Amino acid sequence: MILDLTVKLVENQQQLEDALFVRREVFVKEQGIPLPLEQDQYDAEAQHIVVYHQEAPIAAGRVRRIAEKVAKVDRVCVLPDFRRKQVGVKMMEVLEKFAVLHHSSHAIDTIKIHAQSHAVPFYEAQNYKITSPEFIDGGTAYRAMEKHFTL
């Protein structure tokens, strides 16, 4: 497990650029997703997070409200050298906490995700449940999943 991690809610342009850098490395360069599909209109409204190891960005994700009591977490990614070291678990904890606490006046009770099919076991370990058959988006296989919170 990596001990020197800093998880930050993106608050400035440099942090956003760091998050987008990680996303480009993972989704565009590694997985071949076209940049116009990877970066979208939701980037402007989402709360992004970025994870740093020794001041270098290594992971990113975002969360946004999509309905009265529903948030969506997406664009969760970790650079290859830092996978399977609990970085994703820590990111999901921060994203979920932000979604539930930040929207406390209009409580979020469900978080939805579209998990790449290979990542389904990771999300199941975080108590997400599959809610759809496999579907293809941008040439990649996904499953819809969600997690419910008792408030």
C-alpha atoms as a PDB file:
ATOM      1  CA  MET A   1       0.000   0.000   0.000  1.00  0.00           C
ATOM      2  CA  ILE A   2       1.223   3.489  -0.846  1.00  0.00           C
ATOM      3  CA  LEU A   3       1.497   5.689   2.214  1.00  0.00           C
ATOM      4  CA  ASP A   4       2.391   8.985   0.532  1.00  0.00           C
ATOM      5  CA  LEU A   5      -0.929   9.820  -1.151  1.00  0.00           C
ATOM      6  CA  THR A   6      -2.703  13.145  -1.271  1.00  0.00           C
ATOM      7  CA  VAL A   7      -6.293  13.162  -2.536  1.00  0.00           C
ATOM      8  CA  LYS A   8      -7.506  16.641  -3.478  1.00  0.00           C
ATOM      9  CA  LEU A   9     -10.829  18.037  -4.560  1.00  0.00           C
ATOM     10  CA  VAL A  10      -9.902  20.063  -7.644  1.00  0.00           C
ATOM     11  CA  GLU A  11      -9.999  23.750  -6.743  1.00  0.00           C
ATOM     12  CA  ASN A  12      -7.845  25.392  -9.416  1.00  0.00           C
ATOM     13  CA  GLN A  13      -6.800  25.155 -13.049  1.00  0.00           C
ATOM     14  CA  GLN A  14      -3.507  23.353 -12.338  1.00  0.00           C
ATOM     15  CA  GLN A  15      -5.257  20.614 -10.375  1.00  0.00           C
ATOM     16  CA  LEU A  16      -7.818  20.226 -13.176  1.00  0.00           C
ATOM     17  CA  GLU A  17      -5.000  19.965 -15.716  1.00  0.00           C
ATOM     18  CA  ASP A  18      -3.388  17.298 -13.525  1.00  0.00           C
ATOM     19  CA  ALA A  19      -6.644  15.306 -13.445  1.00  0.00           C
ATOM     20  CA  LEU A  20      -7.058  15.631 -17.214  1.00  0.00           C
ATOM     21  CA  PHE A  21      -3.447  14.526 -17.719  1.00  0.00           C
ATOM     22  CA  VAL A  22      -4.116  11.254 -15.868  1.00  0.00           C
ATOM     23  CA  ARG A  23      -7.339  10.717 -17.820  1.00  0.00           C
ATOM     24  CA  ARG A  24      -5.552  11.228 -21.143  1.00  0.00           C
ATOM     25  CA  GLU A  25      -2.782   8.808 -20.131  1.00  0.00           C
ATOM     26  CA  VAL A  26      -5.242   6.072 -19.146  1.00  0.00           C
ATOM     27  CA  PHE A  27      -8.249   6.512 -21.402  1.00  0.00           C
ATOM     28  CA  VAL A  28      -6.736   8.023 -24.555  1.00  0.00           C
ATOM     29  CA  LYS A  29      -3.192   6.657 -24.709  1.00  0.00           C
ATOM     30  CA  GLU A  30      -3.627   3.309 -22.936  1.00  0.00           C
ATOM     31  CA  GLN A  31      -7.205   2.383 -23.885  1.00  0.00           C
ATOM     32  CA  GLY A  32      -7.493   4.179 -27.232  1.00  0.00           C
ATOM     33  CA  ILE A  33     -10.614   6.195 -26.429  1.00  0.00           C
ATOM     34  CA  PRO A  34     -10.768   9.266 -28.708  1.00  0.00           C
ATOM     35  CA  LEU A  35     -10.101  12.520 -26.833  1.00  0.00           C
ATOM     36  CA  PRO A  36     -13.427  14.095 -27.960  1.00  0.00           C
ATOM     37  CA  LEU A  37     -15.255  11.193 -26.254  1.00  0.00           C
ATOM     38  CA  GLU A  38     -13.080  11.225 -23.133  1.00  0.00           C
ATOM     39  CA  GLN A  39     -13.402  14.941 -22.391  1.00  0.00           C
ATOM     40  CA  ASP A  40     -17.002  16.092 -22.527  1.00  0.00           C
ATOM     41  CA  GLN A  41     -19.508  18.760 -21.553  1.00  0.00           C
ATOM     42  CA  TYR A  42     -19.819  17.317 -18.038  1.00  0.00           C
ATOM     43  CA  ASP A  43     -16.255  18.298 -17.141  1.00  0.00           C
ATOM     44  CA  ALA A  44     -17.476  21.874 -16.559  1.00  0.00           C
ATOM     45  CA  GLU A  45     -20.160  20.880 -14.025  1.00  0.00           C
ATOM     46  CA  ALA A  46     -18.499  17.966 -12.220  1.00  0.00           C
ATOM     47  CA  GLN A  47     -16.411  18.031  -9.061  1.00  0.00           C
ATOM     48  CA  HIS A  48     -13.092  16.495 -10.019  1.00  0.00           C
ATOM     49  CA  ILE A  49     -10.551  14.863  -7.742  1.00  0.00           C
ATOM     50  CA  VAL A  50      -6.896  14.185  -8.335  1.00  0.00           C
ATOM     51  CA  VAL A  51      -4.567  11.925  -6.378  1.00  0.00           C
ATOM     52  CA  TYR A  52      -0.906  12.795  -6.010  1.00  0.00           C
ATOM     53  CA  HIS A  53       2.045  10.603  -5.068  1.00  0.00           C
ATOM     54  CA  GLN A  54       5.132  12.625  -4.185  1.00  0.00           C
ATOM     55  CA  GLU A  55       3.477  15.656  -5.849  1.00  0.00           C
ATOM     56  CA  ALA A  56       2.918  13.848  -9.185  1.00  0.00           C
ATOM     57  CA  PRO A  57      -0.663  13.203 -10.370  1.00  0.00           C
ATOM     58  CA  ILE A  58      -1.387   9.470 -10.476  1.00  0.00           C
ATOM     59  CA  ALA A  59      -5.188   9.120 -10.411  1.00  0.00           C
ATOM     60  CA  ALA A  60      -8.361  11.080 -11.107  1.00  0.00           C
ATOM     61  CA  GLY A  61     -12.137  10.918 -11.121  1.00  0.00           C
ATOM     62  CA  ARG A  62     -15.214  13.118 -11.042  1.00  0.00           C
ATOM     63  CA  VAL A  63     -18.713  13.224  -9.542  1.00  0.00           C
ATOM     64  CA  ARG A  64     -21.826  15.174 -10.461  1.00  0.00           C
ATOM     65  CA  ARG A  65     -25.509  15.256  -9.570  1.00  0.00           C
ATOM     66  CA  ILE A  66     -27.691  13.764 -12.314  1.00  0.00           C
ATOM     67  CA  ALA A  67     -31.089  13.722 -10.552  1.00  0.00           C
ATOM     68  CA  GLU A  68     -32.609  14.991  -7.312  1.00  0.00           C
ATOM     69  CA  LYS A  69     -31.136  12.232  -5.130  1.00  0.00           C
ATOM     70  CA  VAL A  70     -28.702  10.667  -7.581  1.00  0.00           C
ATOM     71  CA  ALA A  71     -25.049  11.374  -8.342  1.00  0.00           C
ATOM     72  CA  LYS A  72     -22.846   9.829 -10.992  1.00  0.00           C
ATOM     73  CA  VAL A  73     -19.179   8.974 -10.521  1.00  0.00           C
ATOM     74  CA  ASP A  74     -17.164   8.567 -13.657  1.00  0.00           C
ATOM     75  CA  ARG A  75     -13.778   8.981 -15.335  1.00  0.00           C
ATOM     76  CA  VAL A  76     -12.165   7.092 -12.446  1.00  0.00           C
ATOM     77  CA  CYS A  77      -8.647   6.128 -13.484  1.00  0.00           C
ATOM     78  CA  VAL A  78      -5.286   5.207 -11.985  1.00  0.00           C
ATOM     79  CA  LEU A  79      -1.927   5.165 -13.765  1.00  0.00           C
ATOM     80  CA  PRO A  80      -0.704   1.575 -14.349  1.00  0.00           C
ATOM     81  CA  ASP A  81       2.176   1.658 -11.824  1.00  0.00           C
ATOM     82  CA  PHE A  82      -0.234   2.531  -9.009  1.00  0.00           C
ATOM     83  CA  ARG A  83      -3.021   0.018  -9.626  1.00  0.00           C
ATOM     84  CA  ARG A  84      -3.844  -2.654  -7.052  1.00  0.00           C
ATOM     85  CA  LYS A  85      -2.448  -0.436  -4.283  1.00  0.00           C
ATOM     86  CA  GLN A  86      -5.761   0.804  -2.844  1.00  0.00           C
ATOM     87  CA  VAL A  87      -5.600   4.119  -4.745  1.00  0.00           C
ATOM     88  CA  GLY A  88      -8.967   3.473  -6.412  1.00  0.00           C
ATOM     89  CA  VAL A  89     -10.552   2.515  -3.092  1.00  0.00           C
ATOM     90  CA  LYS A  90      -9.400   5.797  -1.529  1.00  0.00           C
ATOM     91  CA  MET A  91     -10.672   7.760  -4.529  1.00  0.00           C
ATOM     92  CA  MET A  92     -14.098   6.150  -4.351  1.00  0.00           C
ATOM     93  CA  GLU A  93     -14.308   6.937  -0.626  1.00  0.00           C
ATOM     94  CA  VAL A  94     -13.574  10.608  -1.307  1.00  0.00           C
ATOM     95  CA  LEU A  95     -15.954  10.852  -4.282  1.00  0.00           C
ATOM     96  CA  GLU A  96     -18.779   9.156  -2.363  1.00  0.00           C
ATOM     97  CA  LYS A  97     -18.215  11.300   0.721  1.00  0.00           C
ATOM     98  CA  PHE A  98     -18.238  14.469  -1.380  1.00  0.00           C
ATOM     99  CA  ALA A  99     -21.433  13.440  -3.178  1.00  0.00           C
ATOM    100  CA  VAL A 100     -23.311  12.576  -0.005  1.00  0.00           C
ATOM    101  CA  LEU A 101     -22.059  15.393   2.247  1.00  0.00           C
ATOM    102  CA  HIS A 102     -21.855  18.209  -0.289  1.00  0.00           C
ATOM    103  CA  HIS A 103     -25.436  17.669  -1.342  1.00  0.00           C
ATOM    104  CA  SER A 104     -26.743  17.161   2.204  1.00  0.00           C
ATOM    105  CA  SER A 105     -29.501  19.768   1.826  1.00  0.00           C
ATOM    106  CA  HIS A 106     -30.832  17.712  -1.110  1.00  0.00           C
ATOM    107  CA  ALA A 107     -29.579  14.341   0.023  1.00  0.00           C
ATOM    108  CA  ILE A 108     -27.951  11.989  -2.448  1.00  0.00           C
ATOM    109  CA  ASP A 109     -29.015   8.418  -1.702  1.00  0.00           C
ATOM    110  CA  THR A 110     -27.753   6.698  -4.875  1.00  0.00           C
ATOM    111  CA  ILE A 111     -24.509   6.834  -6.792  1.00  0.00           C
ATOM    112  CA  LYS A 112     -24.463   5.442 -10.304  1.00  0.00           C
ATOM    113  CA  ILE A 113     -21.473   4.448 -12.386  1.00  0.00           C
ATOM    114  CA  HIS A 114     -20.803   2.975 -15.790  1.00  0.00           C
ATOM    115  CA  ALA A 115     -17.983   0.563 -15.022  1.00  0.00           C
ATOM    116  CA  GLN A 116     -15.761  -0.835 -17.718  1.00  0.00           C
ATOM    117  CA  SER A 117     -16.531  -4.548 -17.660  1.00  0.00           C
ATOM    118  CA  HIS A 118     -13.018  -5.496 -16.535  1.00  0.00           C
ATOM    119  CA  ALA A 119     -13.439  -3.179 -13.503  1.00  0.00           C
ATOM    120  CA  VAL A 120     -16.761  -4.643 -12.314  1.00  0.00           C
ATOM    121  CA  PRO A 121     -15.105  -6.778  -9.568  1.00  0.00           C
ATOM    122  CA  PHE A 122     -13.400  -3.651  -8.158  1.00  0.00           C
ATOM    123  CA  TYR A 123     -16.728  -1.819  -7.897  1.00  0.00           C
ATOM    124  CA  GLU A 124     -18.495  -4.890  -6.505  1.00  0.00           C
ATOM    125  CA  ALA A 125     -15.881  -4.891  -3.728  1.00  0.00           C
ATOM    126  CA  GLN A 126     -16.993  -1.293  -2.996  1.00  0.00           C
ATOM    127  CA  ASN A 127     -20.615  -2.538  -2.666  1.00  0.00           C
ATOM    128  CA  TYR A 128     -21.853  -1.451  -6.088  1.00  0.00           C
ATOM    129  CA  LYS A 129     -24.445  -3.696  -7.722  1.00  0.00           C
ATOM    130  CA  ILE A 130     -24.809  -4.398 -11.441  1.00  0.00           C
ATOM    131  CA  THR A 131     -28.000  -2.866 -12.867  1.00  0.00           C
ATOM    132  CA  SER A 132     -27.664  -3.531 -16.603  1.00  0.00           C
ATOM    133  CA  PRO A 133     -26.496  -6.047 -19.143  1.00  0.00           C
ATOM    134  CA  GLU A 134     -23.169  -5.312 -20.775  1.00  0.00           C
ATOM    135  CA  PHE A 135     -23.261  -2.461 -23.314  1.00  0.00           C
ATOM    136  CA  ILE A 136     -20.732  -0.891 -25.654  1.00  0.00           C
ATOM    137  CA  ASP A 137     -19.866   2.812 -25.543  1.00  0.00           C
ATOM    138  CA  GLY A 138     -17.071   4.216 -27.680  1.00  0.00           C
ATOM    139  CA  GLY A 139     -15.935   0.681 -28.485  1.00  0.00           C
ATOM    140  CA  THR A 140     -15.558  -0.266 -24.795  1.00  0.00           C
ATOM    141  CA  ALA A 141     -17.747  -2.726 -22.841  1.00  0.00           C
ATOM    142  CA  TYR A 142     -19.484  -1.377 -19.734  1.00  0.00           C
ATOM    143  CA  ARG A 143     -21.998  -2.384 -17.069  1.00  0.00           C
ATOM    144  CA  ALA A 144     -24.227   0.103 -15.248  1.00  0.00           C
ATOM    145  CA  MET A 145     -23.858  -0.212 -11.486  1.00  0.00           C
ATOM    146  CA  GLU A 146     -25.145   1.626  -8.450  1.00  0.00           C
ATOM    147  CA  LYS A 147     -24.761   1.916  -4.714  1.00  0.00           C
ATOM    148  CA  HIS A 148     -27.453   3.045  -2.292  1.00  0.00           C
ATOM    149  CA  PHE A 149     -26.834   5.019   0.882  1.00  0.00           C
ATOM    150  CA  THR A 150     -28.974   5.144   3.984  1.00  0.00           C
ATOM    151  CA  LEU A 151     -29.155   8.712   5.227  1.00  0.00           C
END
